[in-house]
Amino acid sequence: MLAKSINLNTRVLEIRDSMTCLSVLAIRMFSMSDVQDWHIHLRCGYSRDGSSIILVNLDDARAKNSSYDWKDRTMFTAHDYIEKNFDSLNDGDVIDVEFILGETDKKKISERFN
């Protein structure tokens, strides 16, 4: 039996940096049902405004709910950017850390097109 969709607001994204390409899942912690409200907001304490984004590295399943919890510039910069721009991002978008930091003037394209 297949489980019902949980209807969380998510994006699958590609993080790029110098010699780095990571697939991630970004999850907006905002309830869309009474069950989610209980677990997400009441039990676990995530903000009701949906500003918290959990970022999951799909290669190794490491996950953080704050950009400040990552201990490297790639994930910190990407997570911070995703938190600030979640609504304008689409599945498959590239989060180019070098471009965000102004180290390059041309945004990288997705590895899936190479």
N, C-alpha and C. Protein backbone atom coordinates (compact mmCIF):
# COMPACT_ATOMS: atom_id res chain seq x y z
N MET A 1 0.83 -1.17 0.00
CA MET A 1 0.00 0.00 0.00
C MET A 1 0.89 1.25 0.00
N LEU A 2 0.59 2.17 -0.88
CA LEU A 2 1.34 3.42 -0.95
C LEU A 2 0.80 4.42 0.05
N ALA A 3 1.70 5.15 0.67
CA ALA A 3 1.29 6.17 1.63
C ALA A 3 0.74 7.38 0.89
N LYS A 4 -0.16 8.10 1.53
CA LYS A 4 -0.66 9.35 0.97
C LYS A 4 0.47 10.37 0.94
N SER A 5 0.40 11.26 -0.02
CA SER A 5 1.36 12.36 -0.08
C SER A 5 1.23 13.22 1.16
N ILE A 6 2.36 13.70 1.67
CA ILE A 6 2.31 14.51 2.87
C ILE A 6 2.15 16.00 2.56
N ASN A 7 2.22 16.37 1.30
CA ASN A 7 1.94 17.74 0.87
C ASN A 7 2.83 18.81 1.48
N LEU A 8 4.05 18.46 1.86
CA LEU A 8 4.97 19.49 2.32
C LEU A 8 5.50 20.25 1.11
N ASN A 9 5.82 21.49 1.31
CA ASN A 9 6.33 22.34 0.24
C ASN A 9 7.82 22.05 0.08
N THR A 10 8.21 21.43 -1.03
CA THR A 10 9.59 20.99 -1.22
C THR A 10 10.15 21.45 -2.56
N ARG A 11 11.48 21.44 -2.65
CA ARG A 11 12.21 21.68 -3.89
C ARG A 11 13.39 20.72 -3.92
N VAL A 12 13.63 20.11 -5.08
CA VAL A 12 14.86 19.35 -5.31
C VAL A 12 15.78 20.28 -6.09
N LEU A 13 16.97 20.53 -5.54
CA LEU A 13 17.87 21.53 -6.09
C LEU A 13 19.26 20.95 -6.29
N GLU A 14 20.05 21.64 -7.08
CA GLU A 14 21.45 21.24 -7.32
C GLU A 14 22.36 22.35 -6.79
N ILE A 15 23.19 22.01 -5.84
CA ILE A 15 24.15 22.97 -5.30
C ILE A 15 25.47 22.79 -6.01
N ARG A 16 25.99 23.90 -6.55
CA ARG A 16 27.27 23.87 -7.26
C ARG A 16 28.24 24.83 -6.58
N ASP A 17 29.49 24.42 -6.56
CA ASP A 17 30.58 25.24 -6.04
C ASP A 17 31.82 24.76 -6.78
N SER A 18 32.96 25.29 -6.47
CA SER A 18 34.19 24.84 -7.10
C SER A 18 34.36 23.34 -6.85
N MET A 19 34.39 22.56 -7.92
CA MET A 19 34.58 21.11 -7.86
C MET A 19 33.53 20.41 -6.99
N THR A 20 32.31 20.97 -6.93
CA THR A 20 31.25 20.42 -6.08
C THR A 20 29.94 20.42 -6.84
N CYS A 21 29.22 19.31 -6.74
CA CYS A 21 27.86 19.21 -7.26
C CYS A 21 27.07 18.30 -6.33
N LEU A 22 26.08 18.86 -5.65
CA LEU A 22 25.29 18.12 -4.67
C LEU A 22 23.81 18.22 -5.01
N SER A 23 23.11 17.12 -4.86
CA SER A 23 21.66 17.11 -4.97
C SER A 23 21.09 17.25 -3.57
N VAL A 24 20.13 18.17 -3.41
CA VAL A 24 19.53 18.40 -2.10
C VAL A 24 18.01 18.48 -2.20
N LEU A 25 17.38 18.24 -1.07
CA LEU A 25 15.95 18.42 -0.93
C LEU A 25 15.73 19.52 0.10
N ALA A 26 15.03 20.57 -0.29
CA ALA A 26 14.70 21.66 0.62
C ALA A 26 13.23 21.51 1.01
N ILE A 27 12.96 21.54 2.31
CA ILE A 27 11.60 21.35 2.82
C ILE A 27 11.21 22.56 3.66
N ARG A 28 10.15 23.24 3.24
CA ARG A 28 9.63 24.36 4.04
C ARG A 28 8.82 23.76 5.18
N MET A 29 9.16 24.13 6.41
CA MET A 29 8.49 23.59 7.59
C MET A 29 7.25 24.43 7.90
N PHE A 30 6.20 24.13 7.14
CA PHE A 30 4.93 24.84 7.25
C PHE A 30 3.83 23.81 7.10
N SER A 31 2.94 23.75 8.06
CA SER A 31 1.92 22.70 8.05
C SER A 31 0.83 22.95 7.02
N MET A 32 0.33 21.85 6.46
CA MET A 32 -0.75 21.92 5.50
C MET A 32 -1.91 21.01 5.92
N SER A 33 -1.88 20.54 7.17
CA SER A 33 -2.96 19.72 7.71
C SER A 33 -2.88 19.76 9.23
N ASP A 34 -3.92 19.29 9.89
CA ASP A 34 -3.93 19.26 11.36
C ASP A 34 -2.84 18.35 11.90
N VAL A 35 -2.60 17.23 11.25
CA VAL A 35 -1.56 16.30 11.69
C VAL A 35 -0.19 16.97 11.58
N GLN A 36 0.08 17.60 10.45
CA GLN A 36 1.35 18.31 10.28
C GLN A 36 1.48 19.44 11.29
N ASP A 37 0.40 20.15 11.54
CA ASP A 37 0.43 21.25 12.51
C ASP A 37 0.86 20.73 13.88
N TRP A 38 0.31 19.61 14.29
CA TRP A 38 0.68 19.03 15.58
C TRP A 38 2.17 18.72 15.63
N HIS A 39 2.67 18.01 14.64
CA HIS A 39 4.06 17.56 14.67
C HIS A 39 5.06 18.68 14.38
N ILE A 40 4.79 19.47 13.37
CA ILE A 40 5.75 20.50 12.93
C ILE A 40 5.79 21.69 13.88
N HIS A 41 4.64 22.22 14.22
CA HIS A 41 4.60 23.47 14.98
C HIS A 41 4.42 23.25 16.49
N LEU A 42 3.45 22.45 16.87
CA LEU A 42 3.17 22.28 18.28
C LEU A 42 4.19 21.39 18.99
N ARG A 43 4.50 20.24 18.41
CA ARG A 43 5.42 19.32 19.08
C ARG A 43 6.88 19.71 18.88
N CYS A 44 7.27 20.07 17.64
CA CYS A 44 8.69 20.33 17.36
C CYS A 44 9.06 21.81 17.40
N GLY A 45 8.09 22.69 17.39
CA GLY A 45 8.36 24.11 17.60
C GLY A 45 8.83 24.91 16.40
N TYR A 46 8.65 24.39 15.18
CA TYR A 46 9.02 25.19 14.01
C TYR A 46 8.09 26.38 13.89
N SER A 47 8.64 27.49 13.46
CA SER A 47 7.89 28.73 13.32
C SER A 47 6.68 28.55 12.39
N ARG A 48 5.58 29.16 12.75
CA ARG A 48 4.36 29.04 11.94
C ARG A 48 4.43 29.87 10.65
N ASP A 49 5.41 30.75 10.52
CA ASP A 49 5.49 31.57 9.31
C ASP A 49 6.16 30.86 8.13
N GLY A 50 6.62 29.64 8.34
CA GLY A 50 7.22 28.87 7.24
C GLY A 50 8.62 29.31 6.88
N SER A 51 9.26 30.08 7.74
CA SER A 51 10.59 30.59 7.41
C SER A 51 11.70 29.56 7.58
N SER A 52 11.42 28.49 8.30
CA SER A 52 12.45 27.46 8.51
C SER A 52 12.46 26.48 7.34
N ILE A 53 13.66 26.25 6.82
CA ILE A 53 13.86 25.32 5.71
C ILE A 53 14.82 24.23 6.17
N ILE A 54 14.38 22.98 6.09
CA ILE A 54 15.29 21.87 6.34
C ILE A 54 15.95 21.54 5.00
N LEU A 55 17.26 21.44 5.00
CA LEU A 55 18.00 21.10 3.80
C LEU A 55 18.63 19.72 3.99
N VAL A 56 18.31 18.81 3.07
CA VAL A 56 18.78 17.43 3.14
C VAL A 56 19.72 17.17 1.98
N ASN A 57 20.95 16.77 2.28
CA ASN A 57 21.89 16.33 1.24
C ASN A 57 21.45 14.94 0.81
N LEU A 58 21.04 14.79 -0.43
CA LEU A 58 20.48 13.52 -0.88
C LEU A 58 21.54 12.44 -1.08
N ASP A 59 22.82 12.81 -1.13
CA ASP A 59 23.89 11.81 -1.27
C ASP A 59 24.13 11.04 0.01
N ASP A 60 24.02 11.72 1.15
CA ASP A 60 24.34 11.03 2.42
C ASP A 60 23.28 11.23 3.50
N ALA A 61 22.18 11.88 3.16
CA ALA A 61 21.03 12.08 4.06
C ALA A 61 21.34 12.98 5.26
N ARG A 62 22.45 13.73 5.22
CA ARG A 62 22.68 14.72 6.28
C ARG A 62 21.65 15.83 6.10
N ALA A 63 21.11 16.30 7.22
CA ALA A 63 20.09 17.34 7.16
C ALA A 63 20.30 18.35 8.27
N LYS A 64 20.02 19.60 7.96
CA LYS A 64 20.10 20.68 8.94
C LYS A 64 18.89 21.59 8.74
N ASN A 65 18.44 22.23 9.84
CA ASN A 65 17.31 23.15 9.70
C ASN A 65 17.73 24.60 9.84
N SER A 66 19.04 24.85 9.85
CA SER A 66 19.56 26.22 9.88
C SER A 66 20.85 26.28 9.08
N SER A 67 21.00 27.33 8.32
CA SER A 67 22.23 27.48 7.54
C SER A 67 23.45 27.54 8.46
N TYR A 68 23.28 28.05 9.67
CA TYR A 68 24.39 28.21 10.60
C TYR A 68 24.89 26.87 11.17
N ASP A 69 24.12 25.80 10.99
CA ASP A 69 24.53 24.48 11.49
C ASP A 69 25.52 23.78 10.57
N TRP A 70 25.63 24.23 9.32
CA TRP A 70 26.59 23.63 8.40
C TRP A 70 27.98 24.17 8.73
N LYS A 71 28.98 23.34 8.59
CA LYS A 71 30.34 23.73 8.97
C LYS A 71 31.23 24.02 7.75
N ASP A 72 30.62 24.23 6.59
CA ASP A 72 31.41 24.58 5.41
C ASP A 72 30.71 25.67 4.62
N ARG A 73 31.48 26.40 3.84
CA ARG A 73 30.96 27.57 3.13
C ARG A 73 29.93 27.17 2.07
N THR A 74 30.12 26.04 1.42
CA THR A 74 29.19 25.63 0.37
C THR A 74 27.78 25.47 0.90
N MET A 75 27.63 24.65 1.93
CA MET A 75 26.30 24.37 2.45
C MET A 75 25.73 25.57 3.22
N PHE A 76 26.57 26.29 3.95
CA PHE A 76 26.08 27.49 4.64
C PHE A 76 25.52 28.49 3.63
N THR A 77 26.30 28.81 2.60
CA THR A 77 25.89 29.81 1.61
C THR A 77 24.65 29.36 0.86
N ALA A 78 24.63 28.09 0.43
CA ALA A 78 23.48 27.57 -0.31
C ALA A 78 22.22 27.57 0.56
N HIS A 79 22.32 27.09 1.79
CA HIS A 79 21.16 27.02 2.67
C HIS A 79 20.62 28.42 2.95
N ASP A 80 21.51 29.36 3.24
CA ASP A 80 21.10 30.74 3.48
C ASP A 80 20.37 31.31 2.26
N TYR A 81 20.90 31.07 1.08
CA TYR A 81 20.27 31.55 -0.16
C TYR A 81 18.90 30.91 -0.35
N ILE A 82 18.81 29.61 -0.10
CA ILE A 82 17.54 28.89 -0.26
C ILE A 82 16.50 29.42 0.73
N GLU A 83 16.90 29.66 1.98
CA GLU A 83 15.97 30.22 2.97
C GLU A 83 15.41 31.57 2.51
N LYS A 84 16.25 32.39 1.94
CA LYS A 84 15.84 33.74 1.53
C LYS A 84 15.07 33.75 0.22
N ASN A 85 15.23 32.72 -0.61
CA ASN A 85 14.65 32.73 -1.97
C ASN A 85 13.76 31.54 -2.26
N PHE A 86 13.31 30.82 -1.26
CA PHE A 86 12.58 29.57 -1.46
C PHE A 86 11.41 29.72 -2.43
N ASP A 87 10.61 30.75 -2.26
CA ASP A 87 9.41 30.91 -3.09
C ASP A 87 9.72 31.13 -4.56
N SER A 88 10.88 31.65 -4.88
CA SER A 88 11.22 31.89 -6.29
C SER A 88 11.98 30.73 -6.93
N LEU A 89 12.27 29.68 -6.14
CA LEU A 89 13.01 28.54 -6.67
C LEU A 89 12.07 27.47 -7.20
N ASN A 90 12.56 26.73 -8.21
CA ASN A 90 11.82 25.62 -8.81
C ASN A 90 12.64 24.35 -8.71
N ASP A 91 11.97 23.20 -8.77
CA ASP A 91 12.69 21.94 -8.83
C ASP A 91 13.73 22.00 -9.94
N GLY A 92 14.95 21.54 -9.61
CA GLY A 92 16.01 21.48 -10.60
C GLY A 92 16.87 22.72 -10.70
N ASP A 93 16.50 23.79 -10.01
CA ASP A 93 17.31 25.01 -10.07
C ASP A 93 18.71 24.76 -9.52
N VAL A 94 19.66 25.51 -10.05
CA VAL A 94 21.05 25.44 -9.60
C VAL A 94 21.30 26.55 -8.60
N ILE A 95 21.86 26.19 -7.45
CA ILE A 95 22.28 27.15 -6.45
C ILE A 95 23.80 27.22 -6.56
N ASP A 96 24.30 28.23 -7.26
CA ASP A 96 25.72 28.36 -7.58
C ASP A 96 26.41 29.24 -6.54
N VAL A 97 27.13 28.62 -5.63
CA VAL A 97 27.76 29.33 -4.51
C VAL A 97 28.78 30.36 -5.01
N GLU A 98 29.59 30.00 -5.98
CA GLU A 98 30.58 30.95 -6.50
C GLU A 98 29.89 32.17 -7.09
N PHE A 99 28.79 31.98 -7.79
CA PHE A 99 28.03 33.09 -8.38
C PHE A 99 27.40 33.95 -7.27
N ILE A 100 26.80 33.30 -6.27
CA ILE A 100 26.18 34.03 -5.15
C ILE A 100 27.20 34.90 -4.45
N LEU A 101 28.42 34.39 -4.27
CA LEU A 101 29.47 35.13 -3.56
C LEU A 101 30.21 36.12 -4.45
N GLY A 102 29.84 36.20 -5.72
CA GLY A 102 30.47 37.14 -6.64
C GLY A 102 31.84 36.71 -7.13
N GLU A 103 32.17 35.45 -6.99
CA GLU A 103 33.47 34.95 -7.43
C GLU A 103 33.49 34.65 -8.92
N THR A 104 32.32 34.46 -9.50
CA THR A 104 32.19 34.29 -10.95
C THR A 104 31.06 35.20 -11.43
N ASP A 105 31.08 35.52 -12.72
CA ASP A 105 30.03 36.39 -13.25
C ASP A 105 29.02 35.64 -14.10
N LYS A 106 29.20 34.32 -14.22
CA LYS A 106 28.27 33.51 -15.01
C LYS A 106 27.83 32.32 -14.17
N LYS A 107 26.51 32.17 -14.05
CA LYS A 107 25.95 31.09 -13.25
C LYS A 107 26.13 29.75 -13.96
N LYS A 108 26.51 28.73 -13.19
CA LYS A 108 26.69 27.39 -13.74
C LYS A 108 25.34 26.81 -14.18
N ILE A 109 25.38 25.94 -15.18
CA ILE A 109 24.17 25.21 -15.59
C ILE A 109 24.15 23.86 -14.88
N SER A 110 23.02 23.25 -14.87
CA SER A 110 22.85 21.97 -14.17
C SER A 110 23.71 20.89 -14.78
N GLU A 111 24.27 20.07 -13.92
CA GLU A 111 25.07 18.93 -14.37
C GLU A 111 24.23 17.96 -15.20
N ARG A 112 22.94 17.94 -14.99
CA ARG A 112 22.09 17.02 -15.75
C ARG A 112 22.03 17.38 -17.24
N PHE A 113 22.47 18.58 -17.62
CA PHE A 113 22.48 18.98 -19.03
C PHE A 113 23.83 18.73 -19.69
N ASN A 114 24.82 18.28 -18.93
CA ASN A 114 26.15 18.01 -19.51
C ASN A 114 26.24 16.62 -20.06
